[in-house]
């Protein structure tokens, strides 16, 4: 189960960065977003444990100033992701701490922001035709992996 559906990923790439992505690339993008989302939760869990809690707070996630600014830009797009898809995805992950209510309420924004960030990184590499090539996507993913 992916954190976001194929149609939503395609729509967000188009709305966030005016990019077209092929159906073949959607699965790769979905896998990367799933992994980065899991990475954020793992660090959040480590921070909660360090602070003597078995509940992950929103403040435990390593969200940088730039990530939070991107979150505001994602929110401005007024795109909705299905919370149930995100919660179902979390159930497929290895067991982890409980999520606080505030964090649970922000899960779709976090996932949407990850998609928004990847789309905008890909835009930096894209040619004038606004169709993301395999090489452009690979470059964008490498940068995302270096930063999140």
N, C-alpha and C. Protein backbone atom coordinates (compact mmCIF):
# COMPACT_ATOMS: atom_id res chain seq x y z
N UNK A 1 0.85 -1.18 0.00
CA UNK A 1 0.00 0.00 0.00
C UNK A 1 0.89 1.24 0.00
N UNK A 2 0.68 2.11 -0.95
CA UNK A 2 1.46 3.34 -1.08
C UNK A 2 0.81 4.46 -0.27
N UNK A 3 1.62 5.46 0.10
CA UNK A 3 1.09 6.58 0.87
C UNK A 3 0.26 7.53 0.02
N UNK A 4 0.44 7.47 -1.30
CA UNK A 4 -0.35 8.32 -2.20
C UNK A 4 -0.62 7.55 -3.49
N UNK A 5 -1.80 7.74 -4.05
CA UNK A 5 -2.17 7.06 -5.28
C UNK A 5 -1.49 7.66 -6.50
N UNK A 6 -1.48 6.88 -7.57
CA UNK A 6 -0.81 7.29 -8.80
C UNK A 6 -1.39 8.57 -9.37
N UNK A 7 -2.71 8.67 -9.38
CA UNK A 7 -3.34 9.86 -9.94
C UNK A 7 -2.99 11.11 -9.13
N UNK A 8 -2.91 10.95 -7.82
CA UNK A 8 -2.58 12.09 -6.96
C UNK A 8 -1.14 12.52 -7.19
N UNK A 9 -0.23 11.57 -7.35
CA UNK A 9 1.17 11.91 -7.61
C UNK A 9 1.29 12.65 -8.93
N UNK A 10 0.62 12.15 -9.96
CA UNK A 10 0.65 12.82 -11.26
C UNK A 10 0.09 14.24 -11.16
N UNK A 11 -1.03 14.37 -10.46
CA UNK A 11 -1.66 15.69 -10.31
C UNK A 11 -0.77 16.65 -9.54
N UNK A 12 -0.11 16.17 -8.50
CA UNK A 12 0.76 17.04 -7.71
C UNK A 12 2.00 17.47 -8.50
N UNK A 13 2.57 16.57 -9.28
CA UNK A 13 3.72 16.96 -10.11
C UNK A 13 3.31 18.05 -11.10
N UNK A 14 2.12 17.90 -11.65
CA UNK A 14 1.64 18.90 -12.62
C UNK A 14 1.34 20.24 -11.94
N UNK A 15 0.65 20.19 -10.82
CA UNK A 15 0.25 21.42 -10.14
C UNK A 15 1.42 22.11 -9.43
N UNK A 16 2.31 21.32 -8.82
CA UNK A 16 3.42 21.89 -8.06
C UNK A 16 4.55 22.39 -8.94
N UNK A 17 4.78 21.72 -10.08
CA UNK A 17 5.96 22.06 -10.87
C UNK A 17 5.70 22.04 -12.38
N UNK A 18 4.45 22.00 -12.79
CA UNK A 18 4.06 21.93 -14.21
C UNK A 18 4.81 20.83 -14.96
N UNK A 19 4.96 19.68 -14.33
CA UNK A 19 5.66 18.56 -14.94
C UNK A 19 4.71 17.41 -15.24
N UNK A 20 4.97 16.76 -16.35
CA UNK A 20 4.26 15.55 -16.73
C UNK A 20 5.16 14.37 -16.39
N UNK A 21 4.57 13.34 -15.82
CA UNK A 21 5.34 12.12 -15.55
C UNK A 21 4.61 10.94 -16.17
N UNK A 22 5.39 10.00 -16.66
CA UNK A 22 4.80 8.81 -17.27
C UNK A 22 4.31 7.85 -16.19
N UNK A 23 3.42 6.98 -16.60
CA UNK A 23 2.88 5.97 -15.67
C UNK A 23 4.00 5.10 -15.11
N UNK A 24 5.02 4.84 -15.92
CA UNK A 24 6.14 4.00 -15.47
C UNK A 24 6.92 4.65 -14.33
N UNK A 25 6.99 5.97 -14.34
CA UNK A 25 7.77 6.68 -13.32
C UNK A 25 6.99 6.85 -12.01
N UNK A 26 5.68 6.75 -12.08
CA UNK A 26 4.85 6.95 -10.89
C UNK A 26 5.20 5.93 -9.81
N UNK A 27 5.40 4.68 -10.18
CA UNK A 27 5.74 3.64 -9.20
C UNK A 27 7.06 3.96 -8.52
N UNK A 28 8.06 4.38 -9.30
CA UNK A 28 9.36 4.74 -8.72
C UNK A 28 9.23 5.92 -7.76
N UNK A 29 8.47 6.92 -8.15
CA UNK A 29 8.24 8.09 -7.30
C UNK A 29 7.52 7.67 -6.03
N UNK A 30 6.51 6.84 -6.17
CA UNK A 30 5.76 6.36 -5.01
C UNK A 30 6.67 5.62 -4.03
N UNK A 31 7.54 4.77 -4.56
CA UNK A 31 8.47 4.03 -3.70
C UNK A 31 9.41 4.96 -2.94
N UNK A 32 9.91 5.98 -3.63
CA UNK A 32 10.82 6.95 -3.00
C UNK A 32 10.09 7.73 -1.91
N UNK A 33 8.89 8.19 -2.19
CA UNK A 33 8.10 8.95 -1.21
C UNK A 33 7.80 8.07 0.00
N UNK A 34 7.42 6.82 -0.25
CA UNK A 34 7.16 5.88 0.85
C UNK A 34 8.40 5.76 1.74
N UNK A 35 9.57 5.61 1.12
CA UNK A 35 10.81 5.43 1.88
C UNK A 35 11.18 6.68 2.67
N UNK A 36 11.08 7.84 2.05
CA UNK A 36 11.43 9.09 2.75
C UNK A 36 10.46 9.35 3.91
N UNK A 37 9.19 9.04 3.71
CA UNK A 37 8.20 9.17 4.78
C UNK A 37 8.58 8.24 5.94
N UNK A 38 8.93 7.02 5.62
CA UNK A 38 9.35 6.07 6.66
C UNK A 38 10.60 6.56 7.36
N UNK A 39 11.55 7.09 6.61
CA UNK A 39 12.78 7.64 7.20
C UNK A 39 12.45 8.73 8.23
N UNK A 40 11.54 9.63 7.88
CA UNK A 40 11.16 10.70 8.81
C UNK A 40 10.55 10.11 10.09
N UNK A 41 9.71 9.10 9.93
CA UNK A 41 9.10 8.48 11.11
C UNK A 41 10.13 7.75 11.97
N UNK A 42 11.10 7.12 11.33
CA UNK A 42 12.15 6.43 12.09
C UNK A 42 12.97 7.41 12.93
N UNK A 43 13.32 8.55 12.36
CA UNK A 43 14.06 9.56 13.13
C UNK A 43 13.17 10.13 14.23
N UNK A 44 11.88 10.32 13.92
CA UNK A 44 10.94 10.77 14.94
C UNK A 44 10.85 9.79 16.09
N UNK A 45 10.85 8.51 15.76
CA UNK A 45 10.81 7.48 16.80
C UNK A 45 12.08 7.52 17.66
N UNK A 46 13.23 7.68 17.00
CA UNK A 46 14.49 7.76 17.75
C UNK A 46 14.50 8.98 18.67
N UNK A 47 13.97 10.10 18.19
CA UNK A 47 13.91 11.31 19.02
C UNK A 47 12.95 11.12 20.20
N UNK A 48 11.83 10.46 19.95
CA UNK A 48 10.89 10.19 21.05
C UNK A 48 11.54 9.30 22.09
N UNK A 49 12.23 8.27 21.65
CA UNK A 49 12.91 7.35 22.56
C UNK A 49 13.96 8.10 23.37
N UNK A 50 14.73 8.95 22.71
CA UNK A 50 15.75 9.75 23.39
C UNK A 50 15.13 10.61 24.48
N UNK A 51 13.94 11.10 24.23
CA UNK A 51 13.25 11.95 25.19
C UNK A 51 12.38 11.16 26.18
N UNK A 52 12.55 9.84 26.21
CA UNK A 52 11.87 9.01 27.20
C UNK A 52 10.39 8.80 26.94
N UNK A 53 9.98 8.89 25.68
CA UNK A 53 8.56 8.71 25.34
C UNK A 53 8.39 7.52 24.41
N UNK A 54 7.21 6.92 24.44
CA UNK A 54 6.88 5.89 23.47
C UNK A 54 5.80 6.38 22.51
N UNK A 55 5.69 7.68 22.39
CA UNK A 55 4.77 8.34 21.46
C UNK A 55 5.59 9.32 20.63
N UNK A 56 5.42 9.26 19.32
CA UNK A 56 6.13 10.18 18.42
C UNK A 56 5.32 11.46 18.30
N UNK A 57 5.95 12.56 18.65
CA UNK A 57 5.33 13.87 18.51
C UNK A 57 5.71 14.47 17.17
N UNK A 58 4.88 15.40 16.72
CA UNK A 58 5.18 16.13 15.48
C UNK A 58 6.55 16.78 15.58
N UNK A 59 6.87 17.32 16.74
CA UNK A 59 8.16 18.01 16.93
C UNK A 59 9.35 17.04 16.91
N UNK A 60 9.10 15.74 16.98
CA UNK A 60 10.18 14.76 16.89
C UNK A 60 10.69 14.56 15.47
N UNK A 61 9.87 14.91 14.50
CA UNK A 61 10.29 14.71 13.12
C UNK A 61 11.34 15.76 12.73
N UNK A 62 12.33 15.36 11.95
CA UNK A 62 13.40 16.29 11.57
C UNK A 62 13.00 17.15 10.37
N UNK A 63 12.04 18.03 10.58
CA UNK A 63 11.54 18.88 9.51
C UNK A 63 12.27 20.21 9.54
N UNK A 64 13.08 20.45 8.53
CA UNK A 64 13.88 21.66 8.46
C UNK A 64 13.02 22.88 8.15
N UNK A 65 13.62 24.03 8.24
CA UNK A 65 12.94 25.27 7.88
C UNK A 65 12.48 25.21 6.43
N UNK A 66 13.34 24.73 5.55
CA UNK A 66 12.99 24.62 4.13
C UNK A 66 11.83 23.64 3.91
N UNK A 67 11.84 22.53 4.66
CA UNK A 67 10.75 21.57 4.55
C UNK A 67 9.44 22.23 4.97
N UNK A 68 9.48 22.96 6.07
CA UNK A 68 8.26 23.62 6.57
C UNK A 68 7.77 24.70 5.59
N UNK A 69 8.70 25.39 4.95
CA UNK A 69 8.31 26.38 3.93
C UNK A 69 7.67 25.67 2.74
N UNK A 70 8.23 24.54 2.35
CA UNK A 70 7.64 23.75 1.27
C UNK A 70 6.27 23.23 1.68
N UNK A 71 6.10 22.92 2.96
CA UNK A 71 4.80 22.46 3.45
C UNK A 71 3.75 23.56 3.27
N UNK A 72 4.14 24.79 3.53
CA UNK A 72 3.21 25.90 3.35
C UNK A 72 2.85 26.06 1.87
N UNK A 73 3.83 25.87 0.99
CA UNK A 73 3.57 25.96 -0.45
C UNK A 73 2.67 24.82 -0.91
N UNK A 74 2.90 23.63 -0.36
CA UNK A 74 2.01 22.51 -0.67
C UNK A 74 0.59 22.82 -0.22
N UNK A 75 0.44 23.34 0.99
CA UNK A 75 -0.89 23.67 1.51
C UNK A 75 -1.59 24.70 0.61
N UNK A 76 -0.81 25.63 0.05
CA UNK A 76 -1.38 26.65 -0.82
C UNK A 76 -1.95 26.05 -2.11
N UNK A 77 -1.49 24.87 -2.48
CA UNK A 77 -2.03 24.20 -3.67
C UNK A 77 -3.44 23.68 -3.44
N UNK A 78 -3.83 23.57 -2.17
CA UNK A 78 -5.15 23.09 -1.78
C UNK A 78 -5.44 21.72 -2.36
N UNK A 79 -4.46 20.85 -2.31
CA UNK A 79 -4.59 19.46 -2.73
C UNK A 79 -4.76 18.60 -1.48
N UNK A 80 -5.64 17.65 -1.57
CA UNK A 80 -5.91 16.76 -0.44
C UNK A 80 -5.38 15.36 -0.75
N UNK A 81 -4.76 14.76 0.22
CA UNK A 81 -4.39 13.35 0.15
C UNK A 81 -5.29 12.60 1.13
N UNK A 82 -5.49 11.33 0.88
CA UNK A 82 -6.37 10.53 1.74
C UNK A 82 -5.61 10.07 2.98
N UNK A 83 -6.05 10.51 4.15
CA UNK A 83 -5.41 10.11 5.40
C UNK A 83 -5.44 8.60 5.57
N UNK A 84 -6.53 7.97 5.16
CA UNK A 84 -6.63 6.53 5.34
C UNK A 84 -5.54 5.79 4.55
N UNK A 85 -5.17 6.30 3.37
CA UNK A 85 -4.09 5.68 2.60
C UNK A 85 -2.78 5.74 3.37
N UNK A 86 -2.52 6.87 4.01
CA UNK A 86 -1.29 7.04 4.78
C UNK A 86 -1.31 6.12 6.00
N UNK A 87 -2.44 6.08 6.70
CA UNK A 87 -2.55 5.21 7.88
C UNK A 87 -2.43 3.73 7.51
N UNK A 88 -3.02 3.36 6.37
CA UNK A 88 -2.89 1.97 5.90
C UNK A 88 -1.44 1.65 5.56
N UNK A 89 -0.74 2.62 4.99
CA UNK A 89 0.68 2.41 4.66
C UNK A 89 1.50 2.20 5.94
N UNK A 90 1.22 2.99 6.95
CA UNK A 90 1.96 2.87 8.22
C UNK A 90 1.81 1.46 8.79
N UNK A 91 0.65 0.87 8.61
CA UNK A 91 0.41 -0.49 9.12
C UNK A 91 1.30 -1.52 8.43
N UNK A 92 1.80 -1.21 7.22
CA UNK A 92 2.67 -2.14 6.50
C UNK A 92 4.12 -2.03 6.95
N UNK A 93 4.44 -1.01 7.72
CA UNK A 93 5.80 -0.79 8.19
C UNK A 93 6.07 -1.65 9.43
N UNK A 94 7.34 -1.88 9.73
CA UNK A 94 7.63 -2.57 10.99
C UNK A 94 7.01 -1.79 12.15
N UNK A 95 6.61 -2.50 13.21
CA UNK A 95 5.96 -1.81 14.34
C UNK A 95 6.81 -0.65 14.86
N UNK A 96 6.13 0.43 15.15
CA UNK A 96 6.81 1.58 15.74
C UNK A 96 5.93 2.20 16.79
N UNK A 97 6.46 3.23 17.42
CA UNK A 97 5.72 3.90 18.48
C UNK A 97 4.40 4.47 17.96
N UNK A 98 3.54 4.78 18.89
CA UNK A 98 2.27 5.42 18.59
C UNK A 98 2.52 6.86 18.13
N UNK A 99 1.66 7.36 17.27
CA UNK A 99 1.75 8.74 16.82
C UNK A 99 0.78 9.60 17.61
N UNK A 100 1.24 10.78 18.04
CA UNK A 100 0.34 11.69 18.73
C UNK A 100 -0.70 12.23 17.75
N UNK A 101 -1.79 12.75 18.27
CA UNK A 101 -2.90 13.23 17.45
C UNK A 101 -2.45 14.36 16.51
N UNK A 102 -1.64 15.30 17.00
CA UNK A 102 -1.19 16.40 16.14
C UNK A 102 -0.41 15.87 14.95
N UNK A 103 0.49 14.92 15.19
CA UNK A 103 1.27 14.34 14.10
C UNK A 103 0.36 13.58 13.14
N UNK A 104 -0.55 12.80 13.67
CA UNK A 104 -1.46 12.05 12.81
C UNK A 104 -2.25 13.00 11.90
N UNK A 105 -2.62 14.15 12.43
CA UNK A 105 -3.34 15.14 11.63
C UNK A 105 -2.50 15.79 10.55
N UNK A 106 -1.19 15.70 10.65
CA UNK A 106 -0.29 16.32 9.68
C UNK A 106 0.32 15.32 8.70
N UNK A 107 -0.01 14.06 8.82
CA UNK A 107 0.61 13.04 7.98
C UNK A 107 0.42 13.30 6.49
N UNK A 108 -0.79 13.67 6.08
CA UNK A 108 -1.02 13.90 4.65
C UNK A 108 -0.26 15.12 4.16
N UNK A 109 -0.10 16.12 5.01
CA UNK A 109 0.69 17.29 4.63
C UNK A 109 2.16 16.93 4.46
N UNK A 110 2.65 16.05 5.32
CA UNK A 110 4.05 15.62 5.24
C UNK A 110 4.28 14.85 3.94
N UNK A 111 3.40 13.91 3.65
CA UNK A 111 3.52 13.13 2.42
C UNK A 111 3.38 14.05 1.20
N UNK A 112 2.40 14.91 1.21
CA UNK A 112 2.22 15.85 0.10
C UNK A 112 3.43 16.74 -0.09
N UNK A 113 4.03 17.15 1.01
CA UNK A 113 5.22 18.00 0.92
C UNK A 113 6.40 17.24 0.33
N UNK A 114 6.54 15.98 0.67
CA UNK A 114 7.60 15.17 0.06
C UNK A 114 7.42 15.10 -1.45
N UNK A 115 6.19 14.91 -1.91
CA UNK A 115 5.91 14.87 -3.35
C UNK A 115 6.20 16.25 -3.95
N UNK A 116 5.75 17.30 -3.27
CA UNK A 116 5.98 18.67 -3.74
C UNK A 116 7.49 18.94 -3.90
N UNK A 117 8.27 18.56 -2.90
CA UNK A 117 9.72 18.79 -2.94
C UNK A 117 10.35 18.01 -4.09
N UNK A 118 10.01 16.74 -4.25
CA UNK A 118 10.58 15.95 -5.33
C UNK A 118 10.20 16.53 -6.69
N UNK A 119 8.97 16.96 -6.84
CA UNK A 119 8.54 17.57 -8.10
C UNK A 119 9.35 18.82 -8.41
N UNK A 120 9.59 19.63 -7.41
CA UNK A 120 10.34 20.87 -7.64
C UNK A 120 11.82 20.63 -7.86
N UNK A 121 12.38 19.60 -7.26
CA UNK A 121 13.77 19.24 -7.56
C UNK A 121 13.84 18.76 -9.00
N UNK A 122 12.89 17.92 -9.42
CA UNK A 122 12.87 17.42 -10.80
C UNK A 122 12.72 18.57 -11.78
N UNK A 123 11.96 19.58 -11.41
CA UNK A 123 11.76 20.76 -12.28
C UNK A 123 13.09 21.45 -12.56
N UNK A 124 13.99 21.45 -11.58
CA UNK A 124 15.30 22.07 -11.76
C UNK A 124 16.12 21.38 -12.85
N UNK A 125 15.85 20.11 -13.09
CA UNK A 125 16.59 19.34 -14.09
C UNK A 125 15.84 19.22 -15.41
N UNK A 126 14.56 19.50 -15.41
CA UNK A 126 13.74 19.20 -16.59
C UNK A 126 14.05 20.14 -17.76
N UNK A 127 13.89 19.59 -18.93
CA UNK A 127 14.07 20.37 -20.15
C UNK A 127 12.82 21.21 -20.39
N UNK A 128 12.82 21.91 -21.46
CA UNK A 128 11.72 22.82 -21.76
C UNK A 128 10.38 22.15 -22.03
N UNK A 129 10.38 20.85 -22.31
CA UNK A 129 9.13 20.18 -22.66
C UNK A 129 8.28 19.80 -21.45
N UNK A 130 8.78 19.98 -20.25
CA UNK A 130 8.06 19.70 -19.00
C UNK A 130 7.66 18.24 -18.82
N UNK A 131 8.35 17.36 -19.51
CA UNK A 131 8.16 15.92 -19.32
C UNK A 131 9.42 15.40 -18.64
N UNK A 132 9.26 14.76 -17.50
CA UNK A 132 10.40 14.30 -16.72
C UNK A 132 11.00 13.05 -17.37
N UNK A 133 12.28 13.14 -17.72
CA UNK A 133 12.98 11.99 -18.28
C UNK A 133 13.47 11.09 -17.15
N UNK A 134 13.91 9.91 -17.52
CA UNK A 134 14.44 8.96 -16.54
C UNK A 134 15.66 9.54 -15.83
N UNK A 135 16.57 10.15 -16.59
CA UNK A 135 17.78 10.73 -16.00
C UNK A 135 17.45 11.90 -15.07
N UNK A 136 16.50 12.73 -15.47
CA UNK A 136 16.11 13.86 -14.64
C UNK A 136 15.50 13.38 -13.32
N UNK A 137 14.68 12.35 -13.41
CA UNK A 137 14.07 11.80 -12.20
C UNK A 137 15.12 11.18 -11.30
N UNK A 138 16.06 10.44 -11.87
CA UNK A 138 17.14 9.83 -11.07
C UNK A 138 17.95 10.92 -10.36
N UNK A 139 18.25 12.01 -11.04
CA UNK A 139 19.00 13.12 -10.42
C UNK A 139 18.21 13.73 -9.27
N UNK A 140 16.92 13.94 -9.48
CA UNK A 140 16.07 14.51 -8.43
C UNK A 140 16.01 13.59 -7.22
N UNK A 141 15.91 12.30 -7.45
CA UNK A 141 15.85 11.33 -6.35
C UNK A 141 17.16 11.32 -5.59
N UNK A 142 18.29 11.40 -6.30
CA UNK A 142 19.59 11.43 -5.60
C UNK A 142 19.68 12.64 -4.68
N UNK A 143 19.22 13.79 -5.13
CA UNK A 143 19.25 14.98 -4.29
C UNK A 143 18.31 14.82 -3.09
N UNK A 144 17.11 14.30 -3.33
CA UNK A 144 16.19 14.08 -2.21
C UNK A 144 16.82 13.15 -1.18
N UNK A 145 17.47 12.10 -1.64
CA UNK A 145 18.11 11.16 -0.74
C UNK A 145 19.27 11.80 0.05
N UNK A 146 19.92 12.77 -0.53
CA UNK A 146 20.99 13.47 0.18
C UNK A 146 20.47 14.44 1.23
N UNK A 147 19.25 14.91 1.04
CA UNK A 147 18.74 15.97 1.93
C UNK A 147 17.71 15.49 2.95
N UNK A 148 17.03 14.40 2.67
CA UNK A 148 16.01 13.92 3.62
C UNK A 148 16.31 12.47 3.95
